[in-house]
Every structure is written in structure tokens, then in C-alpha cells.
Protein backbone atom coordinates (compact mmCIF):
# COMPACT_ATOMS: atom_id res chain seq x y z
CA MET A 1 119.29 57.57 114.97
CA SER A 2 122.47 59.56 115.63
CA GLN A 3 120.86 61.69 118.36
CA PRO A 4 118.87 59.37 120.65
CA ALA A 5 117.65 62.26 122.83
CA LEU A 6 115.51 63.48 119.93
CA SER A 7 113.38 60.34 120.27
CA ALA A 8 112.37 61.20 123.87
CA ASP A 9 109.21 63.00 122.77
CA LEU A 10 107.94 59.78 121.18
CA CYS A 11 107.54 58.32 124.68
CA LEU A 12 103.87 57.87 125.66
CA LYS A 13 104.72 56.74 129.22
CA CYS A 14 103.26 53.28 128.63
CA ASN A 15 105.92 51.82 130.96
CA ILE A 16 106.44 48.71 128.84
CA CYS A 17 110.18 49.33 129.14
CA THR A 18 109.99 49.46 132.93
CA ALA A 19 107.93 46.27 133.06
CA ALA A 20 110.59 44.51 130.97
CA CYS A 21 113.64 46.01 132.71
CA PRO A 22 115.60 43.31 134.61
CA VAL A 23 117.34 45.87 136.85
CA ALA A 24 114.13 47.63 137.91
CA ALA A 25 112.77 44.23 138.92
CA ALA A 26 115.88 43.52 140.99
CA THR A 27 116.24 46.75 142.99
CA ASP A 28 114.21 49.77 144.09
CA LEU A 29 117.33 51.90 143.61
CA PHE A 30 116.50 52.04 139.91
CA PRO A 31 113.08 53.55 139.11
CA GLY A 32 113.12 52.16 135.60
CA PRO A 33 114.33 53.12 132.13
CA LYS A 34 111.35 55.36 131.32
CA ALA A 35 111.81 57.49 134.43
CA VAL A 36 115.57 58.00 134.04
CA GLY A 37 115.43 58.01 130.24
CA PRO A 38 112.88 59.89 128.12
CA GLN A 39 111.03 61.33 131.12
CA ALA A 40 114.16 62.73 132.81
CA GLN A 41 115.57 63.82 129.44
CA ARG A 42 112.94 66.57 129.30
CA TYR A 43 114.48 68.11 132.44
CA ARG A 44 118.12 67.81 131.44
CA HIS A 45 119.85 70.96 130.31
CA PRO A 46 123.48 71.17 129.16
CA SER A 47 124.23 74.05 131.55
CA LEU A 48 122.57 72.48 134.62
CA PRO A 49 123.52 69.43 136.71
CA LEU A 50 121.66 66.20 136.08
CA PRO A 51 118.41 66.20 138.07
CA ASP A 52 118.50 62.49 138.97
CA LEU A 53 121.53 60.30 139.77
CA SER A 54 119.65 56.98 139.72
CA VAL A 55 120.47 56.56 136.01
CA GLY A 56 123.81 55.22 137.27
CA TRP A 57 122.06 51.94 138.15
CA CYS A 58 121.15 51.27 134.51
CA SER A 59 123.15 48.28 133.28
CA GLY A 60 122.85 49.22 129.60
CA CYS A 61 121.39 45.83 128.64
CA GLY A 62 119.26 47.44 125.92
CA THR A 63 116.04 45.61 126.76
CA CYS A 64 114.09 48.88 127.00
CA SER A 65 114.91 49.98 123.46
CA ARG A 66 114.01 46.56 122.07
CA VAL A 67 110.57 46.41 123.68
CA CYS A 68 109.53 50.04 123.14
CA PRO A 69 106.56 50.04 120.72
CA HIS A 70 107.09 53.69 119.82
CA GLY A 71 110.73 53.61 118.71
CA VAL A 72 112.19 55.53 121.63
CA ALA A 73 115.95 55.00 121.95
CA VAL A 74 115.59 54.48 125.70
CA ALA A 75 118.81 52.55 126.34
CA GLU A 76 120.86 54.93 124.20
CA ILE A 77 119.44 57.96 126.05
CA ASN A 78 120.33 56.33 129.37
CA ILE A 79 123.85 55.36 128.32
CA GLN A 80 124.57 58.93 127.21
CA ALA A 81 123.11 60.26 130.46
CA LYS A 82 125.32 57.85 132.43
CA ALA A 83 128.35 59.20 130.60
CA ARG A 84 127.39 62.74 131.51
CA LEU A 85 126.86 61.67 135.13
CA ALA A 86 130.33 60.13 135.14
CA ARG A 87 131.84 63.39 133.90
CA GLU A 88 129.99 65.40 136.54
CA THR A 89 130.69 63.12 139.51
CA GLY A 90 134.11 61.81 138.48
CA ILE A 91 135.19 58.41 137.20
CA PRO A 92 136.82 56.21 139.85
CA LEU A 93 140.17 54.53 139.26
CA ARG A 94 138.45 51.13 139.23
CA ASP A 95 136.30 52.11 136.24
CA GLN A 96 139.32 53.56 134.47
CA VAL A 97 141.12 50.21 134.86
CA ILE A 98 138.40 47.63 134.11
CA SER A 99 137.30 49.54 131.01
CA ARG A 100 140.65 48.88 129.29
CA PRO A 101 140.83 45.10 128.69
CA ASP A 102 143.47 45.51 126.01
CA LEU A 103 145.79 47.28 128.44
CA LEU A 104 145.12 44.67 131.12
CA GLY A 105 145.80 41.94 128.57
CA ARG A 106 149.12 43.43 127.49
CA PHE A 107 150.26 43.52 131.11
CA GLY A 108 148.71 40.19 132.11
CA THR A 109 149.84 37.96 129.24
CA PRO A 110 153.61 37.93 129.99
CA LEU A 111 152.82 37.45 133.69
CA ALA A 112 149.95 35.00 133.15
CA PRO A 113 150.81 32.27 135.72
CA LEU A 114 151.57 34.80 138.45
CA ALA A 115 148.64 37.07 137.59
CA ASN A 116 146.18 34.17 137.53
CA LEU A 117 147.47 32.85 140.84
CA ALA A 118 147.10 36.27 142.45
CA LEU A 119 143.58 36.83 141.09
CA SER A 120 142.44 33.44 142.36
CA ALA A 121 143.68 34.09 145.92
CA MET A 122 140.90 35.23 148.24
CA PRO A 123 143.16 37.58 150.28
CA VAL A 124 144.03 39.40 147.06
CA ARG A 125 140.38 39.56 146.04
CA TRP A 126 139.45 40.85 149.50
CA LEU A 127 142.02 43.63 149.14
CA MET A 128 140.74 44.46 145.67
CA GLU A 129 137.23 44.82 147.04
CA ARG A 130 138.38 47.00 149.91
CA ILE A 131 140.66 49.23 147.84
CA ILE A 132 139.21 49.51 144.35
CA LYS A 133 135.69 48.11 144.91
CA ILE A 134 135.80 45.06 142.61
CA HIS A 135 133.64 42.42 144.28
CA ARG A 136 135.60 39.53 145.73
CA HIS A 137 133.30 36.92 144.20
CA ALA A 138 133.00 38.45 140.74
CA PRO A 139 134.27 35.84 138.24
CA MET A 140 137.38 36.83 136.31
CA PRO A 141 138.87 35.13 133.26
CA ALA A 142 142.36 33.68 133.26
CA PHE A 143 145.13 35.25 131.19
CA ARG A 144 146.85 33.04 128.61
CA THR A 145 150.58 32.90 127.98
CA ARG A 146 150.05 33.44 124.22
CA THR A 147 147.65 35.81 122.52
CA PHE A 148 145.46 34.82 119.60
CA ARG A 149 147.36 37.15 117.28
CA SER A 150 150.68 35.58 118.21
CA LEU A 151 149.28 32.11 117.54
CA ARG A 152 147.77 32.91 114.14
CA ARG A 153 150.39 35.10 112.52
CA ALA A 154 149.80 33.54 109.10
CA GLU A 155 146.42 35.26 108.81
CA LEU A 156 147.53 38.71 109.99
CA LEU A 157 147.19 41.30 107.25
CA SER A 158 148.16 44.94 107.67
CA LYS A 159 146.18 46.25 104.70
CA PRO A 160 143.55 44.71 102.44
CA ASP A 161 144.39 43.00 99.19
CA PRO A 162 142.71 44.66 96.22
CA ASP A 163 139.43 43.05 95.30
CA VAL A 164 140.08 40.94 92.25
CA GLY A 165 136.45 39.92 91.81
CA THR A 166 137.02 36.16 91.99
CA GLY A 167 133.75 35.45 93.77
CA VAL A 168 135.55 34.12 96.84
CA ILE A 169 133.88 35.07 100.10
CA ARG A 170 136.41 37.25 101.92
CA VAL A 171 136.32 37.63 105.70
CA ALA A 172 138.22 40.01 107.97
CA TYR A 173 137.99 38.51 111.47
CA PHE A 174 137.43 40.87 114.41
CA HIS A 175 138.53 38.95 117.47
CA GLY A 176 138.14 41.49 120.28
CA CYS A 177 140.07 41.59 123.54
CA GLY A 178 138.33 38.56 125.03
CA THR A 179 139.52 36.21 122.31
CA ASN A 180 142.95 37.77 121.94
CA TYR A 181 143.95 37.60 125.61
CA TYR A 182 141.63 35.06 127.29
CA GLU A 183 140.14 32.68 124.70
CA PRO A 184 142.63 32.40 121.81
CA GLU A 185 141.39 28.91 120.94
CA LEU A 186 137.98 30.41 120.07
CA GLY A 187 139.58 32.63 117.45
CA GLY A 188 141.43 29.63 116.04
CA MET A 189 138.14 27.76 115.74
CA ALA A 190 136.54 30.72 113.94
CA LEU A 191 139.32 30.87 111.36
CA ASP A 192 139.38 27.11 110.84
CA VAL A 193 135.60 26.82 110.37
CA LEU A 194 135.46 29.77 107.95
CA GLN A 195 138.37 28.36 105.95
CA ARG A 196 136.76 24.92 105.92
CA LEU A 197 133.64 26.56 104.49
CA GLY A 198 135.71 28.02 101.65
CA CYS A 199 136.30 31.57 102.86
CA GLU A 200 139.45 33.60 102.41
CA VAL A 201 140.12 34.75 105.99
CA VAL A 202 142.47 37.43 107.27
CA VAL A 203 142.98 39.13 110.62
CA PRO A 204 143.19 42.92 110.15
CA PRO A 205 144.81 45.50 112.44
CA GLN A 206 142.38 46.30 115.25
CA GLY A 207 142.07 47.46 118.82
CA CYS A 208 139.55 47.15 121.63
CA CYS A 209 136.04 47.88 120.35
CA GLY A 210 135.74 50.54 123.09
CA LEU A 211 132.51 49.19 124.60
CA PRO A 212 133.87 48.91 128.17
CA LEU A 213 135.03 52.52 127.99
CA GLN A 214 131.65 53.60 126.66
CA SER A 215 129.83 51.66 129.40
CA ASN A 216 131.88 53.39 132.09
CA GLY A 217 131.31 56.90 130.73
CA LEU A 218 134.71 57.37 129.07
CA PHE A 219 133.28 58.49 125.74
CA ASP A 220 136.33 60.40 124.51
CA ALA A 221 138.59 57.37 124.96
CA ALA A 222 135.94 55.11 123.41
CA ARG A 223 135.74 57.40 120.37
CA ALA A 224 139.52 57.23 119.95
CA TYR A 225 139.39 53.42 119.85
CA ALA A 226 136.38 53.56 117.52
CA ALA A 227 138.15 55.94 115.14
CA ARG A 228 141.12 53.58 114.79
CA ASN A 229 138.89 50.57 114.16
CA ILE A 230 136.76 52.46 111.66
CA ARG A 231 139.84 53.60 109.77
CA SER A 232 141.32 50.09 109.60
CA LEU A 233 138.21 47.97 109.11
CA SER A 234 136.41 50.21 106.63
CA ALA A 235 139.39 49.78 104.29
CA PHE A 236 138.81 46.03 104.35
CA ALA A 237 135.06 46.49 103.89
CA ARG A 238 135.77 48.65 100.84
CA ALA A 239 137.86 45.80 99.40
CA ASN A 240 134.83 43.47 99.75
CA TYR A 241 135.77 41.78 103.00
CA HIS A 242 132.96 40.97 105.42
CA ILE A 243 133.85 42.00 108.98
CA VAL A 244 132.94 39.01 111.17
CA GLY A 245 133.32 38.65 114.94
CA THR A 246 132.74 35.98 117.55
CA SER A 247 132.10 38.54 120.31
CA THR A 248 128.52 39.65 119.79
CA SER A 249 129.02 42.75 121.97
CA CYS A 250 132.09 43.87 120.01
CA VAL A 251 130.25 43.48 116.71
CA LEU A 252 127.30 45.45 118.07
CA SER A 253 129.70 48.32 118.73
CA LEU A 254 130.83 48.24 115.10
CA LYS A 255 127.26 48.03 113.83
CA HIS A 256 125.43 50.36 116.17
CA ASP A 257 127.21 52.01 119.08
CA TYR A 258 129.86 53.92 117.15
CA ARG A 259 127.24 55.86 115.25
CA THR A 260 124.23 55.94 117.55
CA ILE A 261 125.76 56.25 121.02
CA LEU A 262 129.20 57.73 120.38
CA GLY A 263 127.80 59.92 117.60
CA ILE A 264 130.45 59.20 114.97
CA GLN A 265 129.03 60.16 111.59
CA SER A 266 131.12 59.37 108.53
CA GLU A 267 131.01 57.39 105.33
CA GLU A 268 133.61 55.01 106.76
CA ALA A 269 131.54 54.37 109.90
CA ASP A 270 128.49 53.62 107.74
CA LEU A 271 130.52 51.28 105.52
CA LEU A 272 131.82 49.36 108.53
CA ALA A 273 128.36 49.08 110.10
CA GLU A 274 126.84 47.79 106.88
CA ASN A 275 129.48 45.06 106.52
CA ALA A 276 129.81 43.85 110.14
CA TYR A 277 128.30 40.52 111.18
CA ASP A 278 128.06 38.37 114.25
CA PHE A 279 129.60 34.97 113.50
CA PHE A 280 126.43 32.89 113.28
CA GLU A 281 124.54 35.70 111.59
CA PHE A 282 127.20 35.54 108.87
CA LEU A 283 126.94 31.76 108.61
CA ALA A 284 123.17 32.03 108.17
CA LEU A 285 123.38 34.75 105.52
CA TYR A 286 126.31 33.56 103.41
CA LEU A 287 127.38 30.02 104.29
CA ASP A 288 124.29 28.11 105.36
CA ASP A 289 124.21 25.88 102.28
CA ARG A 290 127.89 25.01 102.68
CA LEU A 291 127.44 24.28 106.37
CA GLU A 292 124.37 22.17 105.60
CA ALA A 293 126.50 20.03 103.29
CA LEU A 294 129.02 19.13 106.01
CA PRO A 295 128.40 15.98 108.06
CA LEU A 296 127.77 16.64 111.74
CA ARG A 297 128.79 14.12 114.36
CA GLN A 298 126.57 12.97 117.19
CA VAL A 299 126.79 15.10 120.35
CA GLU A 300 124.84 13.31 123.07
CA ALA A 301 124.10 16.11 125.51
CA ARG A 302 121.48 18.53 126.76
CA ALA A 303 122.42 22.21 126.86
CA LEU A 304 120.84 25.48 127.95
CA TYR A 305 121.34 28.35 125.50
CA HIS A 306 121.26 31.92 126.81
CA PRO A 307 121.25 34.55 124.04
CA PRO A 308 122.98 37.65 125.42
CA CYS A 309 121.32 41.05 125.53
CA GLN A 310 123.81 42.33 122.95
CA LEU A 311 122.85 39.56 120.52
CA LYS A 312 119.17 40.47 120.90
CA ALA A 313 120.07 44.08 120.10
CA HIS A 314 121.41 42.96 116.70
CA GLY A 315 117.83 42.17 115.68
CA VAL A 316 118.84 38.97 113.88
CA GLY A 317 117.06 36.43 116.07
CA THR A 318 119.07 33.46 117.34
CA PRO A 319 121.01 32.13 114.34
CA ALA A 320 123.34 30.08 116.57
CA LEU A 321 120.36 28.21 118.01
CA ALA A 322 119.17 27.30 114.52
CA VAL A 323 122.57 25.74 113.77
CA LEU A 324 122.85 23.95 117.12
CA GLN A 325 119.43 22.36 116.68
CA ARG A 326 120.76 20.55 113.58
CA ILE A 327 123.38 18.65 115.58
CA PRO A 328 122.27 15.03 116.05
CA GLY A 329 121.87 13.95 119.64
CA LEU A 330 122.05 17.49 121.03
CA THR A 331 119.03 18.89 122.83
CA VAL A 332 119.12 22.66 123.32
CA ASP A 333 116.70 24.51 125.58
CA LEU A 334 116.31 28.29 125.46
CA SER A 335 116.95 30.32 128.60
CA ASP A 336 113.86 31.77 130.29
CA SER A 337 115.82 34.79 131.52
CA GLU A 338 116.07 38.18 129.87
CA CYS A 339 119.60 38.91 131.12
CA CYS A 340 122.40 37.07 132.94
CA GLY A 341 123.08 40.23 134.96
CA VAL A 342 126.75 41.00 134.37
CA ALA A 343 126.32 43.60 131.58
CA GLY A 344 130.02 43.72 130.77
CA THR A 345 131.75 45.32 133.76
CA TYR A 346 128.56 46.21 135.68
CA GLY A 347 128.47 43.03 137.77
CA LEU A 348 132.14 43.28 138.75
CA LYS A 349 131.54 46.40 140.81
CA ALA A 350 131.13 45.85 144.53
CA GLU A 351 128.10 48.12 144.85
CA LYS A 352 126.31 46.52 141.88
CA TYR A 353 127.29 42.86 142.31
CA ALA A 354 124.20 41.90 144.34
CA VAL A 355 121.87 43.53 141.82
CA ALA A 356 123.61 41.76 138.94
CA ARG A 357 123.40 38.46 140.81
CA THR A 358 119.68 38.98 141.40
CA VAL A 359 119.09 39.80 137.74
CA GLY A 360 120.72 36.52 136.73
CA SER A 361 119.18 34.38 139.49
CA GLY A 362 116.44 32.96 137.25
CA LEU A 363 119.03 31.78 134.73
CA PHE A 364 121.16 30.20 137.44
CA ASP A 365 118.13 28.46 138.95
CA GLN A 366 117.17 27.07 135.55
CA ALA A 367 120.74 25.88 134.97
CA ALA A 368 120.81 24.16 138.36
CA ASP A 369 117.83 21.87 137.84
CA GLY A 370 120.12 18.94 136.97
CA ARG A 371 119.08 18.47 133.34
CA TYR A 372 122.00 20.20 131.62
CA ASP A 373 125.51 19.10 130.72
CA PHE A 374 126.67 22.60 129.80
CA LEU A 375 125.48 26.13 129.05
CA ILE A 376 125.93 28.14 125.85
CA SER A 377 126.21 31.88 125.26
CA ASP A 378 127.66 34.14 122.55
CA SER A 379 129.18 36.81 124.83
CA GLU A 380 132.47 36.27 126.66
CA THR A 381 131.53 38.34 129.72
CA CYS A 382 128.22 36.48 129.97
CA ARG A 383 130.05 33.13 129.75
CA TRP A 384 132.53 34.06 132.49
CA TRP A 385 129.75 35.33 134.74
CA MET A 386 127.55 32.30 134.12
CA ALA A 387 130.44 29.89 134.75
CA GLY A 388 131.10 31.57 138.09
CA HIS A 389 127.50 31.20 139.27
CA ALA A 390 125.96 28.24 137.47
CA ARG A 391 128.78 25.78 138.25
CA LEU A 392 128.59 24.20 134.81
CA PRO A 393 130.85 24.51 131.76
CA VAL A 394 129.81 27.44 129.58
CA LEU A 395 130.67 27.33 125.87
CA HIS A 396 130.46 29.63 122.89
CA PRO A 397 128.08 28.10 120.30
CA LEU A 398 131.05 27.88 117.94
CA GLU A 399 132.75 25.46 120.34
CA VAL A 400 129.71 23.20 120.19
CA LEU A 401 129.63 23.37 116.39
CA VAL A 402 133.32 22.43 116.24
CA ARG A 403 132.64 19.38 118.40
CA ALA A 404 130.01 18.28 115.90
CA LEU A 405 132.28 18.97 112.94
CA GLY A 406 135.05 16.90 114.52
């Protein structure tokens, strides 16, 4: 649905969304997604101020939309209302900064050793909390001295090759900011595994998916990023490339957010959405028989797998879990928690850190029971947050698969 607000009248006030909401369970400051979503939407008028500011506590996890039995776009209504609230009340400098990971990466990469040292120093973190309200204990990833794109120049392709109809599975890899600046080895693994499975893989021109901007109410800037990605990636989709990403939140933007939340309606946006896949979703749909034919080495370990909220919003189940359960010797338990709490940049903010920590407390308690060697999650922000609180290594499921593939 391109206009989520039109679904508000489908709400029957059953409160299933509120019962499932992890933020409403963590704080009384948030009355729940039904109250600030479809119910409040009936009192919002474009020419009048928003009647309720508590929508600002919504983390945007999307649980409410997934559990609604009546098809109300609850999360999408709330995200759009948060953006309007940000315009009305002003967007702080902190939100302007943390919503631009590509800009931070371009500045941080050449200064990586110094930047990482500064961000790990508690006096610096204390000043950051006092001045720009980023919580001193919020986990932050380390910059790398080389970006993914600089390390894999051989696969960079500025424009798609014409489709020659050879039957080869063609993949255009969308790496996102997290892989490019903080986890370049993950992108290398993605390319190597896809190539090993017989795919023709290229890395197209791309920018930030725009999700952090969207989450912080900067819709105009998010639409500008989205427009550039749609223009570039739809050309590859038209040439029969599948757009595949290892960041489940980035891919959700390509599939869903550009059209439904940012309201971009075009043939190119539809083409991109129809050809975008999360990494393990793509393996399950197109490469499962080839993967099944590869020998998997023993991985003697027990792991806890936490599927991120963004992965659940894809509506594809847990394809990574299905692959991991094939690995001999590996025992994988499923997280009991709905959400880890961080919700992108939400948990970094000083005023929301405690709420985010409470939301994720069940996951951290489960991880701390002594049974697990490591944790697994598909989202980079979830992994960084979990690593900072669970005190165990946290891996992308692709990293575990690569261990088994040797």
C-alpha cells in the first residue's frame, strides 16, 4: 500500500499490536502502536499540529504491522507520523549525523586507527553523551582502513552488461554502508560464495539505502538516496540481474520502504522491489540445490540465532536457519525475543538507550545462560548491539556458512 494512512479505518481496536509491541512492554512512555498509529491518525490533520508526541518513542521495529490480523499498516503509519513530528519539533544535530553512515564512513576510513581509538575512550564517549546525546555505553562498530569497494575492484561495474540469455544466474550485490565501511570481509564472503555456486556477480554503483535517514524523520534526504539507488539498480534488474544484499534492513528498504513509506511510485521502483532479495532468501529460491551439493565441514558448536525485526518484515521465514541446521555438528537455537532493542539508531540515543536495553534484556539473558559459543543475526546494527551487551561473538549467518564450506 503506497498510502499507509488509508488503512487506519481497518483497525478494530483489538490491541493485538499493543500486546506484541516490545517498546510498549518496556516503558509507559509509549502507549502502544494502536494508540499512536491508526487511532491517533483519525485526529491528525495536515494543517494542525500533531495531537500526541508519544509516537516519538516508536522504534519502528515493524512488529505491529506483522501481527495485525486486519492488514493495518500500523508501523508505516507510525514511521510517517514520526517524520512529521521531526519536521514540527526540529531534528537535532545528533540525528542529522548518525543517520548518514556513508558520510561517517568516508570521514572515518582514512582516519580509522585514530577514530577508533577516540570512540573507545570513555572520556570521549562521556563528552559525546553530554554534547550530542549519544549514550556512552552504546556499542559502536570500528572503522576499517580499507572499504569493501576498494578491496573488490574487479567486481565493480558501472553499468549492466546486456542480457545475452546464457542461462547464467546474474547477481548485482548490494553491500550497504555497514559492509562497505565496517565489515568488508562479509562482502568478500558473499561474492566468493555466490561465485562458488556458479553465479556471475558484479557490484553496481550504489549509495546508502537511506533507512537511517528515514528512521530519523529526514524523508527528503532519504528519498534522494532512494532515487539514486532506484535509477542505478533498476537498470541491472532490467538486464536480468538479481539484486542481492547481506544487510536485511537495506534490502527491506529496496523491497518495501521506498514505495510504501517514502511513497516513491514508479516502474523502476517496482522493478527493483520485485528483483531484490535477502542473501539467504536468494540462496533458498535459486541456489539451494547447488548449495546442497557442496560438502559441509563439521562445526562443533552451539549457537543462538536471533532473526532481526527487518528480516521478519520480509515475510520469507528464516531461510538462514534452514541452511545453518544442515551444518554437521552445529546446534542452533532460536531466540525467544521479539527484538534486540537497538532498531538501527534508536538505541544509540541517550534518552532511548535504557528502553532499548530493556527491550533486548530477554535476548541477553538467554545468551548468558552459558550454553552458547556465539550468537547469529542477519542485521549489522543488531550484531553490534548484541555484541556490546551479550559478551559473546556475534556472526552473520554467512560467516557460519563459510566456516562450514572451508
